[in-house]
């Protein structure tokens, strides 16, 4: 039973279409069998019975084959009252096409009952229906009875009716299922957008009552999340702005210190730079990127630009760049991702950083590796959460927003970021961006 379920459609649209199609097929079969049993079969029985009566009439008074040297075929043809009926011997019947006619067991059995002996019935379909009968009274002859009102297209109205009804039912079922699933598809796309930080306008309330209620609840949730995001951004921006004023005063005051306090001045300046960096991380995390258009860009160019900007650091930056196609992206945001990863590599590594670019046919990616102590495996999933750091293994410098900013940007590009420990020691951060 489980293997059967694997072949069943999973989407509501496919399940609805399958249900309607199955019901339609059952309905068509029942309709066809009903018409065949209650309409077609009685009609053929009546025709068979009428033909049997005509054949009986030919043999009622016997066949006079001695008078005027008449053969049986000539004598029977002389008694035929219907201009269309004709009697043939075996040779004449083959020449007239009896061998091309199709044998019908049911009609042969009925004809045998009517004529009182073993009879054979064949039907030939050409420009008109031709019924061939070999009567038990004279097995050496064939009697052909043409049915001028029947031809091979005689049942086309029924077939056409079933085809039209079937097509209309399928089209109607497809239209119904499409209208029922269209709001769900729209809701799915909107939910994905919200998960990436994009808040679409309220969705139209359409569909069934249940779908309207779900859509209305989603609109309220999206509005609440957007309002919460705006309030949080305003709060964090206000705090960051208010902190810069006292930091500026502290910087100015430190510049006025005497030479004897030079060691204190350097420490204060260093602390102010760290606090500025933390404030910049807050702003980078909470702000919505103004650049919304994804334009094709070359990832190798961004890597080279970041490597050149970071070349003044103490340590080695090694580039291993592969041939990569252009990928749609927000260049400024992706450059921020590379910069953050390189800064982490220098901060937690031992002065060695390796940057690679990759292309697997469907995605373009890059990786940043360091030779630091690495991170315990159980802590890696938590590192993407805001204000979370790998305190035990790699220290606790910074605000803990670096990887959260990276993941947020990569998610907005529908990409993926993966952290793994290197076998040689250190951490490898891998980022993949889709080509579409």
Protein backbone atom coordinates (compact mmCIF):
# COMPACT_ATOMS: atom_id res chain seq x y z
CA UNK A 1 0.00 0.00 0.00
CA UNK A 2 2.88 2.35 0.72
CA UNK A 3 4.38 1.92 -2.74
CA UNK A 4 0.98 2.81 -4.22
CA UNK A 5 0.79 6.03 -2.18
CA UNK A 6 4.14 7.13 -3.56
CA UNK A 7 2.58 7.46 -7.04
CA UNK A 8 -0.39 9.50 -5.82
CA UNK A 9 -0.19 13.28 -6.36
CA UNK A 10 0.65 15.36 -3.31
CA UNK A 11 -0.65 18.82 -4.26
CA UNK A 12 -4.31 19.71 -3.69
CA UNK A 13 -4.65 20.75 -7.34
CA UNK A 14 -3.41 17.38 -8.64
CA UNK A 15 -5.52 15.46 -6.14
CA UNK A 16 -8.64 17.39 -7.17
CA UNK A 17 -7.97 16.78 -10.87
CA UNK A 18 -7.34 13.07 -10.22
CA UNK A 19 -10.57 12.78 -8.23
CA UNK A 20 -12.64 14.52 -10.90
CA UNK A 21 -10.97 12.49 -13.65
CA UNK A 22 -11.63 9.21 -11.82
CA UNK A 23 -15.28 10.07 -11.18
CA UNK A 24 -15.64 11.15 -14.81
CA UNK A 25 -14.13 7.87 -16.05
CA UNK A 26 -16.51 5.84 -13.88
CA UNK A 27 -19.42 7.96 -15.10
CA UNK A 28 -18.41 7.48 -18.74
CA UNK A 29 -18.11 3.72 -18.33
CA UNK A 30 -21.48 3.45 -16.60
CA UNK A 31 -23.09 5.67 -19.25
CA UNK A 32 -21.60 3.65 -22.08
CA UNK A 33 -22.61 0.31 -20.56
CA UNK A 34 -26.10 1.62 -19.83
CA UNK A 35 -26.56 2.81 -23.41
CA UNK A 36 -25.11 -0.43 -24.76
CA UNK A 37 -27.35 -2.64 -22.59
CA UNK A 38 -30.59 -0.67 -22.70
CA UNK A 39 -30.39 0.91 -26.14
CA UNK A 40 -27.90 -0.64 -28.55
CA UNK A 41 -28.37 -4.29 -27.61
CA UNK A 42 -32.21 -4.21 -27.81
CA UNK A 43 -31.94 -2.43 -31.16
CA UNK A 44 -29.69 -5.11 -32.59
CA UNK A 45 -31.93 -7.81 -31.18
CA UNK A 46 -34.93 -6.31 -32.95
CA UNK A 47 -32.99 -6.02 -36.21
CA UNK A 48 -31.79 -9.60 -35.84
CA UNK A 49 -35.32 -10.80 -35.21
CA UNK A 50 -36.71 -8.98 -38.28
CA UNK A 51 -34.00 -10.41 -40.53
CA UNK A 52 -34.68 -13.90 -39.15
CA UNK A 53 -38.36 -13.56 -40.12
CA UNK A 54 -37.38 -12.56 -43.65
CA UNK A 55 -35.06 -15.56 -43.92
CA UNK A 56 -37.82 -17.90 -42.63
CA UNK A 57 -40.19 -16.64 -45.31
CA UNK A 58 -37.75 -17.80 -47.99
CA UNK A 59 -38.01 -21.38 -46.75
CA UNK A 60 -41.70 -21.48 -45.74
CA UNK A 61 -42.99 -23.27 -48.87
CA UNK A 62 -39.75 -25.04 -49.64
CA UNK A 63 -37.43 -24.31 -52.55
CA UNK A 64 -38.46 -25.45 -56.08
CA UNK A 65 -35.17 -26.16 -57.79
CA UNK A 66 -36.46 -28.55 -60.46
CA UNK A 67 -38.81 -26.24 -62.30
CA UNK A 68 -37.18 -24.64 -65.32
CA UNK A 69 -33.85 -26.01 -64.13
CA UNK A 70 -33.50 -23.33 -61.38
CA UNK A 71 -30.67 -23.61 -58.85
CA UNK A 72 -31.32 -23.07 -55.13
CA UNK A 73 -29.72 -19.62 -55.24
CA UNK A 74 -31.85 -18.57 -58.23
CA UNK A 75 -34.99 -19.98 -56.64
CA UNK A 76 -34.37 -18.12 -53.36
CA UNK A 77 -33.55 -14.87 -55.15
CA UNK A 78 -36.84 -15.25 -57.04
CA UNK A 79 -38.70 -15.39 -53.74
CA UNK A 80 -36.92 -12.37 -52.22
CA UNK A 81 -39.39 -9.54 -51.61
CA UNK A 82 -36.81 -6.98 -50.44
CA UNK A 83 -34.80 -5.43 -53.28
CA UNK A 84 -31.75 -5.12 -51.02
CA UNK A 85 -31.64 -8.77 -49.89
CA UNK A 86 -29.64 -11.13 -52.09
CA UNK A 87 -28.69 -14.82 -51.94
CA UNK A 88 -25.20 -16.08 -52.90
CA UNK A 89 -23.55 -19.42 -53.15
CA UNK A 90 -20.19 -19.85 -51.42
CA UNK A 91 -18.13 -18.75 -54.44
CA UNK A 92 -20.30 -15.72 -55.13
CA UNK A 93 -20.31 -14.76 -51.43
CA UNK A 94 -16.50 -14.73 -51.29
CA UNK A 95 -16.39 -12.55 -54.39
CA UNK A 96 -18.94 -10.21 -52.76
CA UNK A 97 -16.78 -9.84 -49.63
CA UNK A 98 -18.13 -12.23 -47.03
CA UNK A 99 -14.59 -13.07 -45.94
CA UNK A 100 -14.01 -9.43 -44.98
CA UNK A 101 -17.05 -9.39 -42.72
CA UNK A 102 -16.63 -9.83 -38.95
CA UNK A 103 -18.17 -12.77 -37.13
CA UNK A 104 -20.38 -11.95 -34.10
CA UNK A 105 -21.01 -14.74 -31.62
CA UNK A 106 -23.89 -13.01 -29.83
CA UNK A 107 -25.80 -12.27 -33.04
CA UNK A 108 -25.07 -15.77 -34.37
CA UNK A 109 -26.49 -17.33 -31.19
CA UNK A 110 -29.64 -15.18 -31.39
CA UNK A 111 -30.09 -15.98 -35.07
CA UNK A 112 -29.69 -19.70 -34.35
CA UNK A 113 -32.54 -19.48 -31.83
CA UNK A 114 -34.79 -17.65 -34.29
CA UNK A 115 -34.09 -20.02 -37.22
CA UNK A 116 -34.09 -23.23 -35.20
CA UNK A 117 -30.59 -24.40 -36.03
CA UNK A 118 -26.95 -23.40 -36.12
CA UNK A 119 -26.63 -20.14 -38.02
CA UNK A 120 -23.74 -17.74 -38.54
CA UNK A 121 -23.94 -13.96 -38.67
CA UNK A 122 -21.27 -11.64 -39.99
CA UNK A 123 -21.28 -7.86 -40.33
CA UNK A 124 -19.35 -5.83 -42.88
CA UNK A 125 -18.92 -2.06 -42.39
CA UNK A 126 -18.37 -0.01 -45.48
CA UNK A 127 -20.49 2.73 -46.97
CA UNK A 128 -23.40 0.89 -45.36
CA UNK A 129 -23.93 -1.96 -42.91
CA UNK A 130 -24.14 -5.39 -44.56
CA UNK A 131 -25.36 -8.35 -42.53
CA UNK A 132 -24.41 -11.79 -43.85
CA UNK A 133 -26.43 -14.82 -42.67
CA UNK A 134 -25.71 -18.50 -43.31
CA UNK A 135 -29.04 -20.19 -42.44
CA UNK A 136 -29.26 -23.70 -40.99
CA UNK A 137 -31.82 -24.61 -43.71
CA UNK A 138 -29.12 -24.22 -46.41
CA UNK A 139 -25.55 -24.07 -45.01
CA UNK A 140 -24.12 -23.83 -48.55
CA UNK A 141 -25.53 -20.34 -49.21
CA UNK A 142 -25.10 -16.84 -47.77
CA UNK A 143 -27.84 -14.23 -47.53
CA UNK A 144 -26.81 -10.57 -47.54
CA UNK A 145 -29.11 -7.99 -45.99
CA UNK A 146 -27.98 -4.35 -46.33
CA UNK A 147 -29.14 -1.87 -43.66
CA UNK A 148 -29.41 1.44 -45.47
CA UNK A 149 -30.17 3.39 -42.28
CA UNK A 150 -27.00 2.17 -40.57
CA UNK A 151 -23.43 2.98 -41.54
CA UNK A 152 -20.10 2.95 -39.77
CA UNK A 153 -20.79 6.39 -38.40
CA UNK A 154 -24.18 5.43 -37.05
CA UNK A 155 -23.03 5.50 -33.41
CA UNK A 156 -21.03 8.73 -33.75
CA UNK A 157 -23.67 10.88 -31.98
CA UNK A 158 -23.28 8.75 -28.84
CA UNK A 159 -19.50 8.80 -29.09
CA UNK A 160 -19.53 12.53 -29.75
CA UNK A 161 -21.85 13.07 -26.80
CA UNK A 162 -19.56 11.15 -24.45
CA UNK A 163 -16.48 12.97 -25.74
CA UNK A 164 -18.08 16.42 -25.37
CA UNK A 165 -19.39 15.65 -21.88
CA UNK A 166 -15.98 14.27 -20.88
CA UNK A 167 -14.09 17.27 -22.26
CA UNK A 168 -16.45 19.75 -20.60
CA UNK A 169 -16.17 17.89 -17.30
CA UNK A 170 -12.37 17.86 -17.43
CA UNK A 171 -12.20 21.55 -18.35
CA UNK A 172 -14.72 22.43 -15.65
CA UNK A 173 -12.86 20.37 -13.05
CA UNK A 174 -9.53 21.91 -14.05
CA UNK A 175 -10.99 25.43 -13.84
CA UNK A 176 -12.55 24.69 -10.44
CA UNK A 177 -9.35 23.20 -9.03
CA UNK A 178 -7.28 26.06 -10.43
CA UNK A 179 -9.50 28.70 -8.85
CA UNK A 180 -9.41 26.86 -5.53
CA UNK A 181 -5.61 26.55 -5.53
CA UNK A 182 -4.75 29.96 -6.96
CA UNK A 183 -5.18 31.77 -3.57
CA UNK A 184 -3.08 29.05 -1.89
CA UNK A 185 -0.29 29.51 -4.42
CA UNK A 186 -0.43 33.26 -3.90
CA UNK A 187 -0.34 32.72 -0.13
CA UNK A 188 2.70 30.44 -0.48
CA UNK A 189 4.67 33.04 -2.46
CA UNK A 190 3.75 35.76 0.02
CA UNK A 191 4.87 33.59 2.97
CA UNK A 192 8.24 32.97 1.28
CA UNK A 193 8.64 36.71 0.72
CA UNK A 194 7.90 37.44 4.39
CA UNK A 195 10.45 34.82 5.46
CA UNK A 196 13.08 36.74 3.45
CA UNK A 197 12.18 40.06 5.04
CA UNK A 198 10.04 41.38 2.15
CA UNK A 199 6.52 42.34 3.15
CA UNK A 200 4.08 42.26 0.22
CA UNK A 201 0.86 44.32 0.16
CA UNK A 202 -2.23 42.66 1.70
CA UNK A 203 -3.40 39.68 -0.34
CA UNK A 204 -6.88 39.88 -1.93
CA UNK A 205 -9.55 37.92 -0.09
CA UNK A 206 -10.79 35.37 -2.64
CA UNK A 207 -11.64 31.70 -2.77
CA UNK A 208 -13.63 29.58 -0.35
CA UNK A 209 -14.57 30.73 3.15
CA UNK A 210 -11.74 28.77 4.75
CA UNK A 211 -9.14 30.19 2.35
CA UNK A 212 -10.45 33.73 2.94
CA UNK A 213 -10.06 33.28 6.70
CA UNK A 214 -6.52 31.95 6.33
CA UNK A 215 -5.60 34.80 3.95
CA UNK A 216 -7.04 37.38 6.33
CA UNK A 217 -5.06 35.90 9.23
CA UNK A 218 -1.89 35.94 7.13
CA UNK A 219 -2.44 39.60 6.21
CA UNK A 220 -2.78 40.49 9.89
CA UNK A 221 0.34 38.49 10.78
CA UNK A 222 2.36 40.09 7.97
CA UNK A 223 1.25 43.58 9.03
CA UNK A 224 2.16 42.88 12.68
CA UNK A 225 5.59 41.52 11.72
CA UNK A 226 6.26 44.50 9.48
CA UNK A 227 5.26 46.92 12.24
CA UNK A 228 7.45 45.04 14.74
CA UNK A 229 10.38 45.15 12.33
CA UNK A 230 9.93 48.88 11.82
CA UNK A 231 9.69 49.53 15.56
CA UNK A 232 12.80 47.47 16.21
CA UNK A 233 14.73 49.23 13.45
CA UNK A 234 13.66 52.64 14.78
CA UNK A 235 14.65 51.69 18.33
CA UNK A 236 18.06 50.31 17.35
CA UNK A 237 18.75 53.22 14.99
CA UNK A 238 17.89 55.68 17.76
CA UNK A 239 20.15 53.94 20.25
CA UNK A 240 23.01 53.75 17.75
CA UNK A 241 22.59 57.43 16.89
CA UNK A 242 22.48 58.49 20.53
CA UNK A 243 25.63 56.52 21.33
CA UNK A 244 27.68 58.26 18.66
CA UNK A 245 27.41 61.69 20.35
CA UNK A 246 29.08 60.69 23.67
CA UNK A 247 31.63 58.63 21.75
CA UNK A 248 32.55 61.70 19.73
CA UNK A 249 32.94 63.75 22.92
CA UNK A 250 35.14 61.03 24.41
CA UNK A 251 37.28 60.99 21.27
CA UNK A 252 37.70 64.77 21.40
CA UNK A 253 38.54 64.65 25.10
CA UNK A 254 41.15 61.97 24.49
CA UNK A 255 42.82 64.13 21.87
CA UNK A 256 43.37 66.81 24.51
CA UNK A 257 45.15 64.49 26.93
CA UNK A 258 48.75 65.26 27.81
CA UNK A 259 51.65 63.22 26.50
CA UNK A 260 52.11 61.49 29.84
CA UNK A 261 48.71 59.85 29.35
CA UNK A 262 49.48 58.67 25.80
CA UNK A 263 48.98 55.02 26.78
CA UNK A 264 45.50 55.86 28.06
CA UNK A 265 44.73 57.77 24.86
CA UNK A 266 45.60 54.78 22.68
CA UNK A 267 43.42 52.46 24.78
CA UNK A 268 40.49 54.87 24.66
CA UNK A 269 40.84 55.26 20.87
CA UNK A 270 40.94 51.50 20.43
CA UNK A 271 37.80 51.05 22.56
CA UNK A 272 36.00 53.77 20.59
CA UNK A 273 36.84 52.01 17.30
CA UNK A 274 35.47 48.73 18.66
CA UNK A 275 32.26 50.46 19.77
CA UNK A 276 31.92 52.12 16.35
CA UNK A 277 32.31 48.73 14.68
CA UNK A 278 29.63 47.23 16.94
CA UNK A 279 27.25 50.14 16.20
CA UNK A 280 27.85 49.69 12.47
CA UNK A 281 26.95 46.02 12.82
CA UNK A 282 23.72 46.94 14.57
CA UNK A 283 22.80 49.32 11.76
CA UNK A 284 23.75 46.80 9.06
CA UNK A 285 21.58 44.13 10.68
CA UNK A 286 18.43 46.16 11.26
CA UNK A 287 18.39 48.25 8.09
CA UNK A 288 16.49 47.15 5.02
CA UNK A 289 18.74 47.12 1.95
CA UNK A 290 17.80 49.94 -0.36
CA UNK A 291 19.09 48.02 -3.36
CA UNK A 292 16.20 45.77 -4.39
CA UNK A 293 17.15 45.00 -8.00
CA UNK A 294 19.27 41.91 -8.56
CA UNK A 295 21.66 42.54 -11.44
CA UNK A 296 24.06 40.04 -13.03
CA UNK A 297 27.47 40.27 -11.42
CA UNK A 298 30.78 38.39 -11.38
CA UNK A 299 31.55 36.87 -7.99
CA UNK A 300 35.29 36.69 -8.76
CA UNK A 301 35.46 40.46 -9.16
CA UNK A 302 33.91 40.98 -5.71
CA UNK A 303 36.34 38.48 -4.15
CA UNK A 304 39.33 40.21 -5.74
CA UNK A 305 38.07 43.62 -4.57
CA UNK A 306 37.69 42.43 -0.97
CA UNK A 307 41.08 40.68 -1.04
CA UNK A 308 42.73 43.87 -2.29
CA UNK A 309 41.04 45.96 0.43
CA UNK A 310 42.14 43.50 3.14
CA UNK A 311 45.68 43.07 1.82
CA UNK A 312 47.11 45.51 4.38
CA UNK A 313 46.32 43.10 7.23
CA UNK A 314 49.01 41.00 8.79
CA UNK A 315 48.61 37.58 7.26
CA UNK A 316 48.25 35.80 3.90
CA UNK A 317 45.19 35.86 1.65
CA UNK A 318 45.26 33.08 -0.94
CA UNK A 319 42.83 33.15 -3.88
CA UNK A 320 41.81 30.05 -5.84
CA UNK A 321 39.22 31.32 -8.30
CA UNK A 322 37.37 29.11 -10.76
CA UNK A 323 35.64 30.17 -13.96
CA UNK A 324 32.14 31.24 -12.88
CA UNK A 325 29.24 32.73 -14.86
CA UNK A 326 27.50 35.89 -13.78
CA UNK A 327 24.84 35.46 -11.11
CA UNK A 328 21.95 37.85 -10.30
CA UNK A 329 22.69 39.53 -6.98
CA UNK A 330 22.90 42.72 -4.97
CA UNK A 331 26.59 43.40 -5.40
CA UNK A 332 26.94 45.66 -2.34
CA UNK A 333 25.22 43.13 -0.07
CA UNK A 334 27.25 40.14 -1.34
CA UNK A 335 30.45 42.16 -1.00
CA UNK A 336 29.48 42.77 2.63
CA UNK A 337 29.09 39.01 3.09
CA UNK A 338 32.58 38.35 1.72
CA UNK A 339 34.06 41.14 3.84
CA UNK A 340 32.44 39.84 7.03
CA UNK A 341 33.68 36.29 6.38
CA UNK A 342 37.21 37.50 5.67
CA UNK A 343 37.21 39.63 8.82
CA UNK A 344 36.08 36.63 10.86
CA UNK A 345 38.84 34.53 9.28
CA UNK A 346 41.49 37.09 10.28
CA UNK A 347 39.97 37.60 13.71
CA UNK A 348 39.76 33.93 14.69
CA UNK A 349 42.45 32.41 12.45
CA UNK A 350 46.19 32.40 12.71
CA UNK A 351 47.03 34.76 9.86
CA UNK A 352 46.10 32.48 6.91
CA UNK A 353 42.93 32.87 4.81
CA UNK A 354 41.93 30.94 1.69
CA UNK A 355 39.15 32.23 -0.61
CA UNK A 356 37.79 30.02 -3.36
CA UNK A 357 35.05 30.37 -5.96
CA UNK A 358 32.95 27.45 -7.21
CA UNK A 359 30.44 26.59 -9.94
CA UNK A 360 28.47 23.31 -9.98
CA UNK A 361 26.32 23.92 -13.07
CA UNK A 362 23.34 25.30 -11.18
CA UNK A 363 24.86 27.53 -8.52
CA UNK A 364 27.76 29.91 -8.07
CA UNK A 365 29.49 29.84 -4.71
CA UNK A 366 32.50 30.95 -2.74
CA UNK A 367 34.19 29.73 0.42
CA UNK A 368 36.37 31.40 3.03
CA UNK A 369 38.67 29.19 5.13
CA UNK A 370 40.91 29.94 8.09
CA UNK A 371 43.40 27.95 10.16
CA UNK A 372 42.02 28.83 13.59
CA UNK A 373 40.75 26.53 16.32
CA UNK A 374 37.39 25.88 14.65
CA UNK A 375 34.01 25.62 16.38
CA UNK A 376 32.39 22.70 18.24
CA UNK A 377 29.94 20.99 15.89
CA UNK A 378 27.01 21.36 18.30
CA UNK A 379 27.48 25.15 18.36
CA UNK A 380 27.49 25.69 14.58
CA UNK A 381 23.66 25.83 14.10
CA UNK A 382 23.39 28.49 16.83
CA UNK A 383 25.95 30.83 15.27
CA UNK A 384 23.44 32.25 12.77
CA UNK A 385 21.24 33.55 15.57
CA UNK A 386 21.68 37.25 16.45
CA UNK A 387 23.99 38.04 19.39
CA UNK A 388 25.39 34.49 19.37
CA UNK A 389 29.10 33.64 19.23
CA UNK A 390 31.33 30.62 19.48
CA UNK A 391 32.57 31.79 22.84
CA UNK A 392 34.33 28.63 23.95
CA UNK A 393 36.45 27.94 20.91
CA UNK A 394 36.99 31.27 19.18
CA UNK A 395 36.68 34.00 21.77
CA UNK A 396 33.93 36.57 22.22
CA UNK A 397 35.05 39.62 20.22
CA UNK A 398 32.30 41.68 18.58
CA UNK A 399 28.53 41.88 18.88
CA UNK A 400 27.62 38.43 17.56
CA UNK A 401 25.77 39.87 14.55
CA UNK A 402 28.28 39.09 11.80
CA UNK A 403 26.97 35.66 10.81
CA UNK A 404 23.36 36.75 11.38
CA UNK A 405 23.88 39.57 8.85
CA UNK A 406 25.48 37.11 6.42
CA UNK A 407 22.60 34.63 6.68
CA UNK A 408 20.02 37.37 6.28
CA UNK A 409 21.63 38.62 3.06
CA UNK A 410 22.10 35.11 1.65
CA UNK A 411 18.47 34.21 2.44
CA UNK A 412 17.31 37.30 0.55
CA UNK A 413 19.20 35.91 -2.45
CA UNK A 414 17.53 32.50 -2.02
CA UNK A 415 20.96 31.06 -1.37
CA UNK A 416 22.53 28.92 1.31
CA UNK A 417 25.40 29.36 3.77
CA UNK A 418 27.15 26.35 5.34
CA UNK A 419 29.71 26.27 8.14
CA UNK A 420 31.99 23.27 8.59
CA UNK A 421 35.22 22.56 10.41
CA UNK A 422 38.25 21.85 8.26
CA UNK A 423 40.02 18.54 8.72
CA UNK A 424 43.33 20.44 8.93
CA UNK A 425 41.92 22.73 11.60
CA UNK A 426 39.97 25.93 11.28
CA UNK A 427 36.58 26.88 9.86
CA UNK A 428 35.19 26.82 6.30
CA UNK A 429 32.27 29.10 5.44
CA UNK A 430 30.58 28.11 2.15
CA UNK A 431 28.02 30.33 0.38
CA UNK A 432 25.93 29.21 -2.62
CA UNK A 433 23.88 31.56 -4.82
CA UNK A 434 21.39 30.23 -7.43
CA UNK A 435 21.72 31.23 -11.07
CA UNK A 436 17.99 31.98 -11.29
